[in-house]
Amino acid sequence: MSKFKIKMARIEAASGRADAQVCITFQIERGTVNFQVPIRLNGSDYDDTEMVKAARSILHQTFLDLAAQTRHWSLSAKELRLLSGMNLRTKK
């Protein structure tokens, strides 16, 4: 299986406020899978040079949490074969 391509798609900031929110959006792609994940940060919490590092860390933690939450969904190769063999659709 090929690796995901993860790139920073854009950075958006609300201007004019000291506590402005910053949204760093990551684009994630692999084959036909293509989606974006926005990460929102408080602009006053991080230096401009550290904001992308903080957003990457939050993205990483988000996927760790997602993996842990869906771990029970995982099927073995044998279970997938059994499911495939149970296809009840009529064949034309």
PDB file of N, CA and C in Angstrom:
ATOM      1  N   MET A   1       0.843  -1.168   0.000  1.00  0.00           N
ATOM      2  CA  MET A   1       0.000   0.000   0.000  1.00  0.00           C
ATOM      3  C   MET A   1       0.895   1.238   0.000  1.00  0.00           C
ATOM      4  N   SER A   2       0.561   2.212  -0.810  1.00  0.00           N
ATOM      5  CA  SER A   2       1.381   3.415  -0.910  1.00  0.00           C
ATOM      6  C   SER A   2       1.149   4.351   0.272  1.00  0.00           C
ATOM      7  N   LYS A   3       2.099   5.234   0.484  1.00  0.00           N
ATOM      8  CA  LYS A   3       2.009   6.186   1.584  1.00  0.00           C
ATOM      9  C   LYS A   3       1.030   7.301   1.240  1.00  0.00           C
ATOM     10  N   PHE A   4       0.489   7.909   2.273  1.00  0.00           N
ATOM     11  CA  PHE A   4      -0.333   9.096   2.097  1.00  0.00           C
ATOM     12  C   PHE A   4       0.568  10.271   1.770  1.00  0.00           C
ATOM     13  N   LYS A   5       0.094  11.153   0.908  1.00  0.00           N
ATOM     14  CA  LYS A   5       0.765  12.425   0.673  1.00  0.00           C
ATOM     15  C   LYS A   5       0.048  13.445   1.549  1.00  0.00           C
ATOM     16  N   ILE A   6       0.798  14.076   2.424  1.00  0.00           N
ATOM     17  CA  ILE A   6       0.213  15.060   3.334  1.00  0.00           C
ATOM     18  C   ILE A   6       0.925  16.389   3.089  1.00  0.00           C
ATOM     19  N   LYS A   7       0.148  17.388   2.725  1.00  0.00           N
ATOM     20  CA  LYS A   7       0.750  18.696   2.508  1.00  0.00           C
ATOM     21  C   LYS A   7      -0.123  19.773   3.140  1.00  0.00           C
ATOM     22  N   MET A   8       0.508  20.868   3.453  1.00  0.00           N
ATOM     23  CA  MET A   8      -0.231  21.990   3.991  1.00  0.00           C
ATOM     24  C   MET A   8      -0.893  22.697   2.808  1.00  0.00           C
ATOM     25  N   ALA A   9      -2.212  22.740   2.819  1.00  0.00           N
ATOM     26  CA  ALA A   9      -2.948  23.316   1.700  1.00  0.00           C
ATOM     27  C   ALA A   9      -3.078  24.832   1.820  1.00  0.00           C
ATOM     28  N   ARG A  10      -3.313  25.308   3.041  1.00  0.00           N
ATOM     29  CA  ARG A  10      -3.453  26.756   3.215  1.00  0.00           C
ATOM     30  C   ARG A  10      -3.401  27.134   4.690  1.00  0.00           C
ATOM     31  N   ILE A  11      -3.105  28.418   4.896  1.00  0.00           N
ATOM     32  CA  ILE A  11      -3.134  29.012   6.223  1.00  0.00           C
ATOM     33  C   ILE A  11      -4.046  30.225   6.134  1.00  0.00           C
ATOM     34  N   GLU A  12      -5.026  30.266   7.024  1.00  0.00           N
ATOM     35  CA  GLU A  12      -5.956  31.391   7.059  1.00  0.00           C
ATOM     36  C   GLU A  12      -5.935  31.993   8.460  1.00  0.00           C
ATOM     37  N   ALA A  13      -5.928  33.306   8.524  1.00  0.00           N
ATOM     38  CA  ALA A  13      -5.916  33.983   9.818  1.00  0.00           C
ATOM     39  C   ALA A  13      -6.948  35.093   9.825  1.00  0.00           C
ATOM     40  N   ALA A  14      -7.649  35.199  10.934  1.00  0.00           N
ATOM     41  CA  ALA A  14      -8.572  36.312  11.124  1.00  0.00           C
ATOM     42  C   ALA A  14      -7.738  37.490  11.613  1.00  0.00           C
ATOM     43  N   SER A  15      -7.778  38.590  10.905  1.00  0.00           N
ATOM     44  CA  SER A  15      -6.926  39.720  11.260  1.00  0.00           C
ATOM     45  C   SER A  15      -7.681  40.745  12.099  1.00  0.00           C
ATOM     46  N   GLY A  16      -6.909  41.601  12.736  1.00  0.00           N
ATOM     47  CA  GLY A  16      -7.499  42.696  13.477  1.00  0.00           C
ATOM     48  C   GLY A  16      -7.786  42.407  14.934  1.00  0.00           C
ATOM     49  N   ARG A  17      -7.521  41.180  15.394  1.00  0.00           N
ATOM     50  CA  ARG A  17      -7.768  40.833  16.793  1.00  0.00           C
ATOM     51  C   ARG A  17      -6.497  40.267  17.395  1.00  0.00           C
ATOM     52  N   ALA A  18      -6.261  40.587  18.644  1.00  0.00           N
ATOM     53  CA  ALA A  18      -5.069  40.076  19.318  1.00  0.00           C
ATOM     54  C   ALA A  18      -5.138  38.563  19.504  1.00  0.00           C
ATOM     55  N   ASP A  19      -6.343  38.022  19.717  1.00  0.00           N
ATOM     56  CA  ASP A  19      -6.518  36.586  19.933  1.00  0.00           C
ATOM     57  C   ASP A  19      -7.037  35.891  18.675  1.00  0.00           C
ATOM     58  N   ALA A  20      -6.562  36.335  17.530  1.00  0.00           N
ATOM     59  CA  ALA A  20      -7.052  35.843  16.246  1.00  0.00           C
ATOM     60  C   ALA A  20      -6.859  34.331  16.110  1.00  0.00           C
ATOM     61  N   GLN A  21      -7.860  33.696  15.554  1.00  0.00           N
ATOM     62  CA  GLN A  21      -7.779  32.268  15.260  1.00  0.00           C
ATOM     63  C   GLN A  21      -7.022  32.078  13.943  1.00  0.00           C
ATOM     64  N   VAL A  22      -6.226  31.028  13.897  1.00  0.00           N
ATOM     65  CA  VAL A  22      -5.504  30.655  12.684  1.00  0.00           C
ATOM     66  C   VAL A  22      -5.971  29.260  12.308  1.00  0.00           C
ATOM     67  N   CYS A  23      -6.254  29.064  11.031  1.00  0.00           N
ATOM     68  CA  CYS A  23      -6.668  27.744  10.548  1.00  0.00           C
ATOM     69  C   CYS A  23      -5.635  27.260   9.539  1.00  0.00           C
ATOM     70  N   ILE A  24      -4.974  26.167   9.868  1.00  0.00           N
ATOM     71  CA  ILE A  24      -4.019  25.529   8.962  1.00  0.00           C
ATOM     72  C   ILE A  24      -4.695  24.273   8.433  1.00  0.00           C
ATOM     73  N   THR A  25      -4.862  24.214   7.117  1.00  0.00           N
ATOM     74  CA  THR A  25      -5.570  23.092   6.494  1.00  0.00           C
ATOM     75  C   THR A  25      -4.576  22.173   5.804  1.00  0.00           C
ATOM     76  N   PHE A  26      -4.650  20.900   6.143  1.00  0.00           N
ATOM     77  CA  PHE A  26      -3.796  19.884   5.525  1.00  0.00           C
ATOM     78  C   PHE A  26      -4.589  19.132   4.465  1.00  0.00           C
ATOM     79  N   GLN A  27      -3.968  18.867   3.324  1.00  0.00           N
ATOM     80  CA  GLN A  27      -4.532  18.073   2.232  1.00  0.00           C
ATOM     81  C   GLN A  27      -3.915  16.688   2.335  1.00  0.00           C
ATOM     82  N   ILE A  28      -4.756  15.656   2.379  1.00  0.00           N
ATOM     83  CA  ILE A  28      -4.286  14.277   2.523  1.00  0.00           C
ATOM     84  C   ILE A  28      -4.778  13.482   1.329  1.00  0.00           C
ATOM     85  N   GLU A  29      -3.843  12.797   0.659  1.00  0.00           N
ATOM     86  CA  GLU A  29      -4.181  12.058  -0.566  1.00  0.00           C
ATOM     87  C   GLU A  29      -3.476  10.708  -0.597  1.00  0.00           C
ATOM     88  N   ARG A  30      -4.179   9.728  -1.129  1.00  0.00           N
ATOM     89  CA  ARG A  30      -3.601   8.427  -1.477  1.00  0.00           C
ATOM     90  C   ARG A  30      -4.581   7.764  -2.418  1.00  0.00           C
ATOM     91  N   GLY A  31      -4.186   7.590  -3.652  1.00  0.00           N
ATOM     92  CA  GLY A  31      -5.074   6.981  -4.649  1.00  0.00           C
ATOM     93  C   GLY A  31      -6.355   7.775  -4.777  1.00  0.00           C
ATOM     94  N   THR A  32      -7.473   7.104  -4.593  1.00  0.00           N
ATOM     95  CA  THR A  32      -8.773   7.774  -4.707  1.00  0.00           C
ATOM     96  C   THR A  32      -9.214   8.446  -3.411  1.00  0.00           C
ATOM     97  N   VAL A  33      -8.437   8.265  -2.347  1.00  0.00           N
ATOM     98  CA  VAL A  33      -8.746   8.900  -1.064  1.00  0.00           C
ATOM     99  C   VAL A  33      -8.151  10.304  -1.083  1.00  0.00           C
ATOM    100  N   ASN A  34      -8.998  11.294  -0.841  1.00  0.00           N
ATOM    101  CA  ASN A  34      -8.563  12.687  -0.916  1.00  0.00           C
ATOM    102  C   ASN A  34      -9.445  13.503   0.016  1.00  0.00           C
ATOM    103  N   PHE A  35      -8.851  14.089   1.054  1.00  0.00           N
ATOM    104  CA  PHE A  35      -9.639  14.897   1.976  1.00  0.00           C
ATOM    105  C   PHE A  35      -8.769  15.953   2.648  1.00  0.00           C
ATOM    106  N   GLN A  36      -9.434  16.921   3.269  1.00  0.00           N
ATOM    107  CA  GLN A  36      -8.741  17.994   3.965  1.00  0.00           C
ATOM    108  C   GLN A  36      -9.096  17.962   5.451  1.00  0.00           C
ATOM    109  N   VAL A  37      -8.129  18.360   6.268  1.00  0.00           N
ATOM    110  CA  VAL A  37      -8.343  18.436   7.709  1.00  0.00           C
ATOM    111  C   VAL A  37      -7.923  19.831   8.175  1.00  0.00           C
ATOM    112  N   PRO A  38      -8.885  20.619   8.646  1.00  0.00           N
ATOM    113  CA  PRO A  38      -8.528  21.935   9.186  1.00  0.00           C
ATOM    114  C   PRO A  38      -8.127  21.817  10.660  1.00  0.00           C
ATOM    115  N   ILE A  39      -7.053  22.492  11.020  1.00  0.00           N
ATOM    116  CA  ILE A  39      -6.596  22.546  12.398  1.00  0.00           C
ATOM    117  C   ILE A  39      -6.658  24.006  12.832  1.00  0.00           C
ATOM    118  N   ARG A  40      -7.424  24.277  13.872  1.00  0.00           N
ATOM    119  CA  ARG A  40      -7.583  25.649  14.346  1.00  0.00           C
ATOM    120  C   ARG A  40      -6.727  25.887  15.581  1.00  0.00           C
ATOM    121  N   LEU A  41      -6.011  26.997  15.550  1.00  0.00           N
ATOM    122  CA  LEU A  41      -5.134  27.378  16.652  1.00  0.00           C
ATOM    123  C   LEU A  41      -5.427  28.812  17.064  1.00  0.00           C
ATOM    124  N   ASN A  42      -5.135  29.111  18.309  1.00  0.00           N
ATOM    125  CA  ASN A  42      -5.218  30.484  18.769  1.00  0.00           C
ATOM    126  C   ASN A  42      -3.896  31.148  18.381  1.00  0.00           C
ATOM    127  N   GLY A  43      -3.982  32.182  17.579  1.00  0.00           N
ATOM    128  CA  GLY A  43      -2.778  32.843  17.070  1.00  0.00           C
ATOM    129  C   GLY A  43      -1.863  33.379  18.142  1.00  0.00           C
ATOM    130  N   SER A  44      -2.398  33.728  19.298  1.00  0.00           N
ATOM    131  CA  SER A  44      -1.565  34.273  20.364  1.00  0.00           C
ATOM    132  C   SER A  44      -0.835  33.185  21.157  1.00  0.00           C
ATOM    133  N   ASP A  45      -1.186  31.916  20.947  1.00  0.00           N
ATOM    134  CA  ASP A  45      -0.554  30.816  21.682  1.00  0.00           C
ATOM    135  C   ASP A  45       0.799  30.413  21.115  1.00  0.00           C
ATOM    136  N   TYR A  46       1.041  30.711  19.831  1.00  0.00           N
ATOM    137  CA  TYR A  46       2.252  30.229  19.170  1.00  0.00           C
ATOM    138  C   TYR A  46       2.911  31.343  18.372  1.00  0.00           C
ATOM    139  N   ASP A  47       4.218  31.271  18.304  1.00  0.00           N
ATOM    140  CA  ASP A  47       4.991  32.137  17.438  1.00  0.00           C
ATOM    141  C   ASP A  47       4.702  31.719  15.992  1.00  0.00           C
ATOM    142  N   ASP A  48       4.787  32.652  15.070  1.00  0.00           N
ATOM    143  CA  ASP A  48       4.516  32.340  13.657  1.00  0.00           C
ATOM    144  C   ASP A  48       5.335  31.163  13.156  1.00  0.00           C
ATOM    145  N   THR A  49       6.592  31.069  13.568  1.00  0.00           N
ATOM    146  CA  THR A  49       7.458  29.990  13.077  1.00  0.00           C
ATOM    147  C   THR A  49       7.124  28.645  13.688  1.00  0.00           C
ATOM    148  N   GLU A  50       6.429  28.640  14.819  1.00  0.00           N
ATOM    149  CA  GLU A  50       6.097  27.391  15.509  1.00  0.00           C
ATOM    150  C   GLU A  50       4.672  26.910  15.225  1.00  0.00           C
ATOM    151  N   MET A  51       3.884  27.734  14.591  1.00  0.00           N
ATOM    152  CA  MET A  51       2.469  27.411  14.388  1.00  0.00           C
ATOM    153  C   MET A  51       2.274  26.156  13.534  1.00  0.00           C
ATOM    154  N   VAL A  52       3.056  25.992  12.484  1.00  0.00           N
ATOM    155  CA  VAL A  52       2.922  24.809  11.621  1.00  0.00           C
ATOM    156  C   VAL A  52       3.326  23.546  12.383  1.00  0.00           C
ATOM    157  N   LYS A  53       4.381  23.639  13.196  1.00  0.00           N
ATOM    158  CA  LYS A  53       4.795  22.487  14.016  1.00  0.00           C
ATOM    159  C   LYS A  53       3.684  22.093  14.982  1.00  0.00           C
ATOM    160  N   ALA A  54       3.060  23.088  15.594  1.00  0.00           N
ATOM    161  CA  ALA A  54       1.961  22.814  16.530  1.00  0.00           C
ATOM    162  C   ALA A  54       0.787  22.171  15.793  1.00  0.00           C
ATOM    163  N   ALA A  55       0.464  22.668  14.607  1.00  0.00           N
ATOM    164  CA  ALA A  55      -0.648  22.110  13.827  1.00  0.00           C
ATOM    165  C   ALA A  55      -0.349  20.676  13.410  1.00  0.00           C
ATOM    166  N   ARG A  56       0.888  20.392  13.019  1.00  0.00           N
ATOM    167  CA  ARG A  56       1.266  19.014  12.655  1.00  0.00           C
ATOM    168  C   ARG A  56       1.107  18.078  13.840  1.00  0.00           C
ATOM    169  N   SER A  57       1.503  18.549  15.009  1.00  0.00           N
ATOM    170  CA  SER A  57       1.370  17.741  16.215  1.00  0.00           C
ATOM    171  C   SER A  57      -0.097  17.460  16.528  1.00  0.00           C
ATOM    172  N   ILE A  58      -0.938  18.460  16.391  1.00  0.00           N
ATOM    173  CA  ILE A  58      -2.375  18.276  16.630  1.00  0.00           C
ATOM    174  C   ILE A  58      -2.967  17.321  15.604  1.00  0.00           C
ATOM    175  N   LEU A  59      -2.548  17.436  14.342  1.00  0.00           N
ATOM    176  CA  LEU A  59      -3.019  16.505  13.303  1.00  0.00           C
ATOM    177  C   LEU A  59      -2.626  15.078  13.660  1.00  0.00           C
ATOM    178  N   HIS A  60      -1.381  14.887  14.074  1.00  0.00           N
ATOM    179  CA  HIS A  60      -0.901  13.562  14.468  1.00  0.00           C
ATOM    180  C   HIS A  60      -1.735  12.996  15.621  1.00  0.00           C
ATOM    181  N   GLN A  61      -1.963  13.799  16.646  1.00  0.00           N
ATOM    182  CA  GLN A  61      -2.743  13.348  17.794  1.00  0.00           C
ATOM    183  C   GLN A  61      -4.175  13.020  17.403  1.00  0.00           C
ATOM    184  N   THR A  62      -4.723  13.800  16.473  1.00  0.00           N
ATOM    185  CA  THR A  62      -6.087  13.547  15.981  1.00  0.00           C
ATOM    186  C   THR A  62      -6.187  12.162  15.356  1.00  0.00           C
ATOM    187  N   PHE A  63      -5.196  11.806  14.528  1.00  0.00           N
ATOM    188  CA  PHE A  63      -5.239  10.494  13.887  1.00  0.00           C
ATOM    189  C   PHE A  63      -4.942   9.363  14.870  1.00  0.00           C
ATOM    190  N   LEU A  64      -4.110   9.619  15.883  1.00  0.00           N
ATOM    191  CA  LEU A  64      -3.909   8.605  16.921  1.00  0.00           C
ATOM    192  C   LEU A  64      -5.217   8.334  17.653  1.00  0.00           C
ATOM    193  N   ASP A  65      -5.925   9.408  17.997  1.00  0.00           N
ATOM    194  CA  ASP A  65      -7.213   9.258  18.686  1.00  0.00           C
ATOM    195  C   ASP A  65      -8.217   8.529  17.801  1.00  0.00           C
ATOM    196  N   LEU A  66      -8.254   8.862  16.527  1.00  0.00           N
ATOM    197  CA  LEU A  66      -9.172   8.209  15.585  1.00  0.00           C
ATOM    198  C   LEU A  66      -8.849   6.722  15.454  1.00  0.00           C
ATOM    199  N   ALA A  67      -7.565   6.385  15.355  1.00  0.00           N
ATOM    200  CA  ALA A  67      -7.158   4.979  15.250  1.00  0.00           C
ATOM    201  C   ALA A  67      -7.569   4.202  16.497  1.00  0.00           C
ATOM    202  N   ALA A  68      -7.364   4.799  17.661  1.00  0.00           N
ATOM    203  CA  ALA A  68      -7.735   4.123  18.910  1.00  0.00           C
ATOM    204  C   ALA A  68      -9.247   3.933  19.007  1.00  0.00           C
ATOM    205  N   GLN A  69      -9.984   4.942  18.583  1.00  0.00           N
ATOM    206  CA  GLN A  69     -11.444   4.887  18.677  1.00  0.00           C
ATOM    207  C   GLN A  69     -12.044   3.856  17.727  1.00  0.00           C
ATOM    208  N   THR A  70     -11.380   3.574  16.611  1.00  0.00           N
ATOM    209  CA  THR A  70     -11.934   2.655  15.611  1.00  0.00           C
ATOM    210  C   THR A  70     -11.192   1.315  15.563  1.00  0.00           C
ATOM    211  N   ARG A  71     -10.320   1.073  16.528  1.00  0.00           N
ATOM    212  CA  ARG A  71      -9.523  -0.166  16.538  1.00  0.00           C
ATOM    213  C   ARG A  71     -10.416  -1.405  16.439  1.00  0.00           C
ATOM    214  N   HIS A  72     -11.567  -1.392  17.088  1.00  0.00           N
ATOM    215  CA  HIS A  72     -12.461  -2.564  17.086  1.00  0.00           C
ATOM    216  C   HIS A  72     -13.118  -2.791  15.712  1.00  0.00           C
ATOM    217  N   TRP A  73     -12.949  -1.874  14.796  1.00  0.00           N
ATOM    218  CA  TRP A  73     -13.488  -2.051  13.438  1.00  0.00           C
ATOM    219  C   TRP A  73     -12.567  -2.917  12.573  1.00  0.00           C
ATOM    220  N   SER A  74     -11.341  -3.100  12.995  1.00  0.00           N
ATOM    221  CA  SER A  74     -10.337  -3.787  12.193  1.00  0.00           C
ATOM    222  C   SER A  74     -10.707  -5.261  11.984  1.00  0.00           C
ATOM    223  N   LEU A  75     -10.517  -5.734  10.760  1.00  0.00           N
ATOM    224  CA  LEU A  75     -10.786  -7.132  10.421  1.00  0.00           C
ATOM    225  C   LEU A  75      -9.499  -7.793   9.942  1.00  0.00           C
ATOM    226  N   SER A  76      -9.347  -9.063  10.244  1.00  0.00           N
ATOM    227  CA  SER A  76      -8.195  -9.816   9.748  1.00  0.00           C
ATOM    228  C   SER A  76      -8.423 -10.143   8.273  1.00  0.00           C
ATOM    229  N   ALA A  77      -7.358 -10.599   7.622  1.00  0.00           N
ATOM    230  CA  ALA A  77      -7.471 -10.996   6.213  1.00  0.00           C
ATOM    231  C   ALA A  77      -8.492 -12.127   6.066  1.00  0.00           C
ATOM    232  N   LYS A  78      -8.501 -13.054   7.023  1.00  0.00           N
ATOM    233  CA  LYS A  78      -9.458 -14.168   6.975  1.00  0.00           C
ATOM    234  C   LYS A  78     -10.893 -13.654   7.104  1.00  0.00           C
ATOM    235  N   GLU A  79     -11.128 -12.730   8.037  1.00  0.00           N
ATOM    236  CA  GLU A  79     -12.473 -12.174   8.213  1.00  0.00           C
ATOM    237  C   GLU A  79     -12.947 -11.443   6.947  1.00  0.00           C
ATOM    238  N   LEU A  80     -12.033 -10.730   6.298  1.00  0.00           N
ATOM    239  CA  LEU A  80     -12.402 -10.043   5.048  1.00  0.00           C
ATOM    240  C   LEU A  80     -12.770 -11.049   3.960  1.00  0.00           C
ATOM    241  N   ARG A  81     -12.003 -12.151   3.864  1.00  0.00           N
ATOM    242  CA  ARG A  81     -12.313 -13.198   2.868  1.00  0.00           C
ATOM    243  C   ARG A  81     -13.683 -13.808   3.144  1.00  0.00           C
ATOM    244  N   LEU A  82     -13.973 -14.063   4.415  1.00  0.00           N
ATOM    245  CA  LEU A  82     -15.274 -14.627   4.778  1.00  0.00           C
ATOM    246  C   LEU A  82     -16.410 -13.671   4.403  1.00  0.00           C
ATOM    247  N   LEU A  83     -16.221 -12.399   4.675  1.00  0.00           N
ATOM    248  CA  LEU A  83     -17.243 -11.416   4.304  1.00  0.00           C
ATOM    249  C   LEU A  83     -17.434 -11.371   2.792  1.00  0.00           C
ATOM    250  N   SER A  84     -16.332 -11.428   2.071  1.00  0.00           N
ATOM    251  CA  SER A  84     -16.406 -11.389   0.616  1.00  0.00           C
ATOM    252  C   SER A  84     -17.159 -12.616   0.082  1.00  0.00           C
ATOM    253  N   GLY A  85     -16.948 -13.750   0.724  1.00  0.00           N
ATOM    254  CA  GLY A  85     -17.617 -14.981   0.308  1.00  0.00           C
ATOM    255  C   GLY A  85     -19.092 -15.002   0.649  1.00  0.00           C
ATOM    256  N   MET A  86     -19.541 -14.113   1.509  1.00  0.00           N
ATOM    257  CA  MET A  86     -20.943 -14.066   1.912  1.00  0.00           C
ATOM    258  C   MET A  86     -21.763 -13.129   1.029  1.00  0.00           C
ATOM    259  N   ASN A  87     -21.221 -12.699  -0.064  1.00  0.00           N
ATOM    260  CA  ASN A  87     -21.913 -11.747  -0.941  1.00  0.00           C
ATOM    261  C   ASN A  87     -23.255 -12.329  -1.354  1.00  0.00           C
ATOM    262  N   LEU A  88     -24.331 -11.698  -0.963  1.00  0.00           N
ATOM    263  CA  LEU A  88     -25.678 -12.201  -1.222  1.00  0.00           C
ATOM    264  C   LEU A  88     -26.339 -11.552  -2.446  1.00  0.00           C
ATOM    265  N   ARG A  89     -25.629 -10.683  -3.125  1.00  0.00           N
ATOM    266  CA  ARG A  89     -26.198 -10.028  -4.305  1.00  0.00           C
ATOM    267  C   ARG A  89     -26.335 -11.063  -5.433  1.00  0.00           C
ATOM    268  N   THR A  90     -27.404 -10.938  -6.184  1.00  0.00           N
ATOM    269  CA  THR A  90     -27.585 -11.836  -7.317  1.00  0.00           C
ATOM    270  C   THR A  90     -26.601 -11.466  -8.416  1.00  0.00           C
ATOM    271  N   LYS A  91     -26.049 -12.479  -9.039  1.00  0.00           N
ATOM    272  CA  LYS A  91     -25.085 -12.247 -10.112  1.00  0.00           C
ATOM    273  C   LYS A  91     -25.816 -12.257 -11.440  1.00  0.00           C
ATOM    274  N   LYS A  92     -25.472 -11.325 -12.281  1.00  0.00           N
ATOM    275  CA  LYS A  92     -26.124 -11.210 -13.598  1.00  0.00           C
ATOM    276  C   LYS A  92     -25.385 -11.978 -14.651  1.00  0.00           C
TER     277      LYS A  92
END
